């Protein structure tokens, strides 16, 4: 990601529901990167399944945005469809998806899914 010009935090720390109550709800992203001046928590996703939607919902609820990196385009498309089908159950926010396969081929076009209010 850094080689493509993104500012990356490799150990961003937890995203907390309340800074003064660190034991409350939290999400722990893999890295974080800056997109258009905003810090986005990033999850490098190995498992593509409806089971992980709850994890992404928590991250989205805490930060309002989430970037998912999947290993290949097939997995990205599958995850995007799972999230699209669950969009009315997710907190409002923006999820961006990309595959490592596309990034290595020079295709840094993020697919974007906006969840409704």
N, C-alpha and C. Protein backbone atom coordinates (compact mmCIF):
# COMPACT_ATOMS: atom_id res chain seq x y z
N UNK A 1 0.82 -1.19 0.00
CA UNK A 1 0.00 0.00 0.00
C UNK A 1 0.87 1.25 0.00
N UNK A 2 1.93 1.22 0.78
CA UNK A 2 2.83 2.38 0.83
C UNK A 2 3.47 2.61 -0.52
N UNK A 3 3.81 1.53 -1.24
CA UNK A 3 4.43 1.65 -2.55
C UNK A 3 3.50 2.31 -3.56
N UNK A 4 2.19 2.23 -3.31
CA UNK A 4 1.21 2.85 -4.20
C UNK A 4 0.91 4.29 -3.80
N UNK A 5 1.61 4.78 -2.77
CA UNK A 5 1.45 6.17 -2.38
C UNK A 5 0.53 6.44 -1.21
N UNK A 6 0.04 5.39 -0.60
CA UNK A 6 -0.84 5.58 0.56
C UNK A 6 -0.01 5.74 1.83
N UNK A 7 -0.47 6.60 2.72
CA UNK A 7 0.14 6.71 4.05
C UNK A 7 -0.43 5.55 4.86
N UNK A 8 0.45 4.70 5.38
CA UNK A 8 0.03 3.48 6.07
C UNK A 8 0.53 3.48 7.50
N UNK A 9 -0.35 3.11 8.42
CA UNK A 9 0.05 2.84 9.81
C UNK A 9 -0.01 1.33 9.97
N UNK A 10 1.14 0.70 10.19
CA UNK A 10 1.16 -0.76 10.28
C UNK A 10 0.64 -1.27 11.62
N UNK A 11 0.71 -0.46 12.65
CA UNK A 11 0.16 -0.84 13.96
C UNK A 11 -0.69 0.32 14.48
N UNK A 12 -1.92 0.45 13.94
CA UNK A 12 -2.72 1.64 14.25
C UNK A 12 -3.33 1.68 15.64
N UNK A 13 -3.34 0.57 16.35
CA UNK A 13 -3.99 0.56 17.65
C UNK A 13 -5.48 0.32 17.49
N UNK A 14 -6.15 0.15 18.60
CA UNK A 14 -7.57 -0.16 18.58
C UNK A 14 -8.41 1.08 18.29
N UNK A 15 -9.52 0.85 17.63
CA UNK A 15 -10.53 1.88 17.44
C UNK A 15 -11.52 1.68 18.57
N UNK A 16 -11.65 2.68 19.44
CA UNK A 16 -12.46 2.54 20.65
C UNK A 16 -13.79 3.29 20.53
N UNK A 17 -14.81 2.74 21.18
CA UNK A 17 -16.11 3.43 21.23
C UNK A 17 -15.99 4.71 22.04
N UNK A 18 -15.17 4.67 23.10
CA UNK A 18 -14.96 5.84 23.95
C UNK A 18 -13.52 5.82 24.45
N UNK A 19 -12.78 6.89 24.18
CA UNK A 19 -11.36 6.96 24.59
C UNK A 19 -11.19 6.80 26.10
N UNK A 20 -12.12 7.31 26.87
CA UNK A 20 -11.99 7.26 28.33
C UNK A 20 -12.48 5.93 28.91
N UNK A 21 -13.01 5.04 28.06
CA UNK A 21 -13.47 3.73 28.51
C UNK A 21 -12.94 2.65 27.56
N UNK A 22 -11.63 2.36 27.62
CA UNK A 22 -11.03 1.44 26.66
C UNK A 22 -11.53 -0.01 26.75
N UNK A 23 -12.25 -0.33 27.80
CA UNK A 23 -12.77 -1.70 27.95
C UNK A 23 -14.08 -1.88 27.20
N UNK A 24 -14.68 -0.80 26.72
CA UNK A 24 -15.93 -0.90 25.96
C UNK A 24 -15.66 -1.43 24.56
N UNK A 25 -16.63 -1.27 23.68
CA UNK A 25 -16.53 -1.78 22.31
C UNK A 25 -15.26 -1.28 21.63
N UNK A 26 -14.63 -2.19 20.90
CA UNK A 26 -13.39 -1.84 20.21
C UNK A 26 -13.25 -2.71 18.97
N UNK A 27 -12.49 -2.21 18.03
CA UNK A 27 -12.12 -2.97 16.84
C UNK A 27 -10.61 -2.82 16.70
N UNK A 28 -9.97 -3.88 16.26
CA UNK A 28 -8.52 -3.86 16.11
C UNK A 28 -8.16 -4.16 14.66
N UNK A 29 -8.03 -3.10 13.85
CA UNK A 29 -7.72 -3.31 12.44
C UNK A 29 -6.31 -3.83 12.24
N UNK A 30 -6.08 -4.41 11.07
CA UNK A 30 -4.73 -4.87 10.73
C UNK A 30 -3.88 -3.61 10.55
N UNK A 31 -3.71 -3.09 9.36
CA UNK A 31 -3.11 -1.75 9.24
C UNK A 31 -4.23 -0.71 9.14
N UNK A 32 -3.85 0.52 8.96
CA UNK A 32 -4.78 1.61 8.64
C UNK A 32 -4.12 2.43 7.55
N UNK A 33 -4.91 3.03 6.69
CA UNK A 33 -4.34 3.85 5.64
C UNK A 33 -5.13 5.13 5.47
N UNK A 34 -4.48 6.11 4.87
CA UNK A 34 -5.13 7.39 4.65
C UNK A 34 -5.67 7.44 3.22
N UNK A 35 -6.97 7.63 3.10
CA UNK A 35 -7.64 7.77 1.81
C UNK A 35 -8.31 9.14 1.80
N UNK A 36 -7.93 9.97 0.87
CA UNK A 36 -8.52 11.30 0.74
C UNK A 36 -8.50 12.07 2.06
N UNK A 37 -7.38 11.96 2.78
CA UNK A 37 -7.21 12.71 4.01
C UNK A 37 -7.86 12.10 5.25
N UNK A 38 -8.49 10.94 5.12
CA UNK A 38 -9.15 10.29 6.25
C UNK A 38 -8.46 8.97 6.57
N UNK A 39 -8.35 8.68 7.87
CA UNK A 39 -7.74 7.42 8.30
C UNK A 39 -8.79 6.31 8.25
N UNK A 40 -8.50 5.26 7.51
CA UNK A 40 -9.41 4.13 7.34
C UNK A 40 -8.82 2.89 8.00
N UNK A 41 -9.57 2.23 8.87
CA UNK A 41 -9.11 0.93 9.38
C UNK A 41 -9.17 -0.08 8.23
N UNK A 42 -8.16 -0.93 8.17
CA UNK A 42 -8.06 -1.93 7.10
C UNK A 42 -8.09 -3.32 7.71
N UNK A 43 -8.86 -4.18 7.10
CA UNK A 43 -8.87 -5.60 7.47
C UNK A 43 -8.43 -6.40 6.26
N UNK A 44 -7.38 -7.19 6.44
CA UNK A 44 -6.95 -8.12 5.40
C UNK A 44 -7.73 -9.39 5.68
N UNK A 45 -8.64 -9.69 4.77
CA UNK A 45 -9.62 -10.75 5.02
C UNK A 45 -9.21 -12.06 4.36
N UNK A 46 -9.10 -13.07 5.19
CA UNK A 46 -8.77 -14.40 4.68
C UNK A 46 -10.02 -15.22 4.43
N UNK A 47 -10.98 -15.13 5.35
CA UNK A 47 -12.20 -15.93 5.26
C UNK A 47 -13.32 -15.09 4.68
N UNK A 48 -13.94 -15.58 3.63
CA UNK A 48 -15.09 -14.91 3.04
C UNK A 48 -16.32 -15.72 3.43
N UNK A 49 -17.13 -15.12 4.30
CA UNK A 49 -18.28 -15.83 4.83
C UNK A 49 -19.23 -14.82 5.47
N UNK A 50 -20.52 -15.12 5.48
CA UNK A 50 -21.45 -14.25 6.19
C UNK A 50 -21.14 -14.17 7.70
N UNK A 51 -20.39 -15.14 8.22
CA UNK A 51 -20.06 -15.13 9.66
C UNK A 51 -19.24 -13.92 10.07
N UNK A 52 -18.44 -13.37 9.17
CA UNK A 52 -17.58 -12.24 9.54
C UNK A 52 -18.27 -10.88 9.39
N UNK A 53 -19.51 -10.87 8.91
CA UNK A 53 -20.23 -9.61 8.75
C UNK A 53 -20.37 -8.89 10.08
N UNK A 54 -20.59 -9.62 11.17
CA UNK A 54 -20.72 -8.98 12.49
C UNK A 54 -19.43 -8.25 12.88
N UNK A 55 -18.29 -8.81 12.54
CA UNK A 55 -17.02 -8.15 12.83
C UNK A 55 -16.90 -6.86 12.03
N UNK A 56 -17.27 -6.90 10.75
CA UNK A 56 -17.19 -5.70 9.92
C UNK A 56 -18.21 -4.67 10.39
N UNK A 57 -19.37 -5.13 10.87
CA UNK A 57 -20.39 -4.20 11.39
C UNK A 57 -19.84 -3.43 12.59
N UNK A 58 -19.13 -4.12 13.47
CA UNK A 58 -18.57 -3.45 14.65
C UNK A 58 -17.54 -2.41 14.24
N UNK A 59 -16.67 -2.75 13.32
CA UNK A 59 -15.68 -1.79 12.84
C UNK A 59 -16.35 -0.59 12.17
N UNK A 60 -17.36 -0.86 11.38
CA UNK A 60 -18.08 0.21 10.69
C UNK A 60 -18.81 1.11 11.68
N UNK A 61 -19.39 0.51 12.70
CA UNK A 61 -20.09 1.29 13.72
C UNK A 61 -19.14 2.23 14.46
N UNK A 62 -17.95 1.76 14.75
CA UNK A 62 -16.99 2.55 15.52
C UNK A 62 -16.31 3.65 14.70
N UNK A 63 -16.07 3.39 13.43
CA UNK A 63 -15.32 4.38 12.65
C UNK A 63 -16.10 5.00 11.50
N UNK A 64 -17.20 4.37 11.09
CA UNK A 64 -17.98 4.89 9.98
C UNK A 64 -17.44 4.53 8.61
N UNK A 65 -16.28 3.88 8.60
CA UNK A 65 -15.67 3.48 7.34
C UNK A 65 -14.75 2.30 7.57
N UNK A 66 -14.60 1.50 6.53
CA UNK A 66 -13.79 0.29 6.63
C UNK A 66 -13.26 -0.06 5.25
N UNK A 67 -11.98 -0.43 5.18
CA UNK A 67 -11.37 -0.91 3.94
C UNK A 67 -11.07 -2.40 4.11
N UNK A 68 -11.56 -3.19 3.18
CA UNK A 68 -11.31 -4.63 3.20
C UNK A 68 -10.41 -5.00 2.04
N UNK A 69 -9.35 -5.75 2.35
CA UNK A 69 -8.44 -6.25 1.32
C UNK A 69 -8.59 -7.77 1.29
N UNK A 70 -8.91 -8.29 0.12
CA UNK A 70 -9.07 -9.72 -0.05
C UNK A 70 -7.96 -10.24 -0.95
N UNK A 71 -7.73 -11.53 -0.93
CA UNK A 71 -6.59 -12.09 -1.65
C UNK A 71 -6.75 -12.06 -3.16
N UNK A 72 -7.95 -12.32 -3.66
CA UNK A 72 -8.13 -12.34 -5.10
C UNK A 72 -9.48 -11.73 -5.47
N UNK A 73 -9.68 -11.52 -6.76
CA UNK A 73 -10.89 -10.87 -7.24
C UNK A 73 -12.14 -11.71 -6.98
N UNK A 74 -12.01 -13.02 -7.09
CA UNK A 74 -13.17 -13.89 -6.83
C UNK A 74 -13.64 -13.70 -5.39
N UNK A 75 -12.72 -13.68 -4.44
CA UNK A 75 -13.08 -13.48 -3.03
C UNK A 75 -13.64 -12.08 -2.80
N UNK A 76 -13.07 -11.08 -3.48
CA UNK A 76 -13.59 -9.71 -3.33
C UNK A 76 -15.03 -9.62 -3.81
N UNK A 77 -15.30 -10.20 -4.97
CA UNK A 77 -16.67 -10.17 -5.50
C UNK A 77 -17.64 -10.89 -4.56
N UNK A 78 -17.21 -12.03 -4.05
CA UNK A 78 -18.07 -12.80 -3.13
C UNK A 78 -18.35 -12.00 -1.86
N UNK A 79 -17.30 -11.37 -1.28
CA UNK A 79 -17.49 -10.58 -0.06
C UNK A 79 -18.36 -9.37 -0.33
N UNK A 80 -18.17 -8.75 -1.48
CA UNK A 80 -18.98 -7.59 -1.83
C UNK A 80 -20.46 -7.98 -1.90
N UNK A 81 -20.77 -9.13 -2.46
CA UNK A 81 -22.16 -9.59 -2.56
C UNK A 81 -22.73 -9.89 -1.17
N UNK A 82 -21.93 -10.51 -0.32
CA UNK A 82 -22.39 -10.80 1.05
C UNK A 82 -22.73 -9.49 1.77
N UNK A 83 -21.85 -8.50 1.65
CA UNK A 83 -22.10 -7.21 2.29
C UNK A 83 -23.28 -6.48 1.67
N UNK A 84 -23.41 -6.57 0.36
CA UNK A 84 -24.55 -5.94 -0.31
C UNK A 84 -25.86 -6.52 0.21
N UNK A 85 -25.92 -7.83 0.36
CA UNK A 85 -27.13 -8.48 0.86
C UNK A 85 -27.40 -8.12 2.32
N UNK A 86 -26.37 -7.80 3.08
CA UNK A 86 -26.52 -7.47 4.51
C UNK A 86 -26.58 -5.97 4.77
N UNK A 87 -26.57 -5.16 3.72
CA UNK A 87 -26.39 -3.71 3.88
C UNK A 87 -27.42 -3.05 4.79
N UNK A 88 -28.65 -3.54 4.84
CA UNK A 88 -29.66 -2.91 5.70
C UNK A 88 -29.52 -3.32 7.16
N UNK A 89 -28.67 -4.30 7.42
CA UNK A 89 -28.40 -4.73 8.80
C UNK A 89 -27.12 -4.11 9.35
N UNK A 90 -26.39 -3.41 8.50
CA UNK A 90 -25.11 -2.80 8.89
C UNK A 90 -25.31 -1.36 9.33
N UNK A 91 -24.43 -0.88 10.21
CA UNK A 91 -24.46 0.54 10.58
C UNK A 91 -24.17 1.40 9.35
N UNK A 92 -24.62 2.65 9.38
CA UNK A 92 -24.37 3.56 8.27
C UNK A 92 -22.87 3.79 8.12
N UNK A 93 -22.41 3.80 6.89
CA UNK A 93 -21.00 4.05 6.64
C UNK A 93 -20.59 3.64 5.24
N UNK A 94 -19.29 3.61 5.02
CA UNK A 94 -18.74 3.28 3.71
C UNK A 94 -17.72 2.15 3.88
N UNK A 95 -17.86 1.16 3.02
CA UNK A 95 -16.90 0.04 2.99
C UNK A 95 -16.25 0.07 1.61
N UNK A 96 -14.93 0.04 1.59
CA UNK A 96 -14.20 -0.05 0.33
C UNK A 96 -13.51 -1.40 0.28
N UNK A 97 -13.57 -2.03 -0.88
CA UNK A 97 -12.99 -3.35 -1.07
C UNK A 97 -12.01 -3.34 -2.23
N UNK A 98 -10.94 -4.11 -2.07
CA UNK A 98 -9.95 -4.28 -3.13
C UNK A 98 -9.30 -5.65 -2.93
N UNK A 99 -8.76 -6.20 -3.99
CA UNK A 99 -8.05 -7.48 -3.84
C UNK A 99 -6.56 -7.27 -4.00
N UNK A 100 -5.80 -8.08 -3.32
CA UNK A 100 -4.35 -8.03 -3.45
C UNK A 100 -3.96 -8.40 -4.89
N UNK A 101 -4.71 -9.32 -5.47
CA UNK A 101 -4.48 -9.71 -6.86
C UNK A 101 -4.57 -8.49 -7.79
N UNK A 102 -5.60 -7.67 -7.64
CA UNK A 102 -5.77 -6.48 -8.47
C UNK A 102 -4.68 -5.45 -8.18
N UNK A 103 -4.32 -5.31 -6.91
CA UNK A 103 -3.27 -4.35 -6.55
C UNK A 103 -1.95 -4.72 -7.18
N UNK A 104 -1.61 -6.00 -7.15
CA UNK A 104 -0.35 -6.45 -7.74
C UNK A 104 -0.33 -6.25 -9.26
N UNK A 105 -1.52 -6.26 -9.87
CA UNK A 105 -1.63 -6.03 -11.32
C UNK A 105 -1.72 -4.54 -11.64
N UNK A 106 -1.65 -3.70 -10.61
CA UNK A 106 -1.71 -2.25 -10.81
C UNK A 106 -3.11 -1.68 -10.78
N UNK A 107 -4.11 -2.50 -10.46
CA UNK A 107 -5.51 -2.04 -10.42
C UNK A 107 -5.93 -1.63 -9.03
N UNK A 108 -5.65 -0.39 -8.68
CA UNK A 108 -5.96 0.10 -7.33
C UNK A 108 -7.34 0.75 -7.26
N UNK A 109 -8.27 0.28 -8.05
CA UNK A 109 -9.63 0.83 -8.02
C UNK A 109 -10.41 0.16 -6.89
N UNK A 110 -10.75 0.93 -5.89
CA UNK A 110 -11.53 0.41 -4.77
C UNK A 110 -13.00 0.30 -5.19
N UNK A 111 -13.62 -0.81 -4.85
CA UNK A 111 -15.06 -0.93 -5.00
C UNK A 111 -15.67 -0.36 -3.73
N UNK A 112 -16.73 0.40 -3.86
CA UNK A 112 -17.29 1.09 -2.70
C UNK A 112 -18.73 0.65 -2.48
N UNK A 113 -19.05 0.39 -1.22
CA UNK A 113 -20.40 0.05 -0.80
C UNK A 113 -20.78 1.01 0.33
N UNK A 114 -21.85 1.76 0.12
CA UNK A 114 -22.33 2.67 1.15
C UNK A 114 -23.55 2.02 1.79
N UNK A 115 -23.52 1.91 3.11
CA UNK A 115 -24.64 1.33 3.82
C UNK A 115 -25.62 2.44 4.19
N UNK A 116 -26.91 2.18 4.07
CA UNK A 116 -27.90 3.22 4.34
C UNK A 116 -28.03 3.52 5.82
N UNK A 117 -28.67 4.65 6.11
CA UNK A 117 -28.93 5.03 7.51
C UNK A 117 -29.98 4.15 8.12
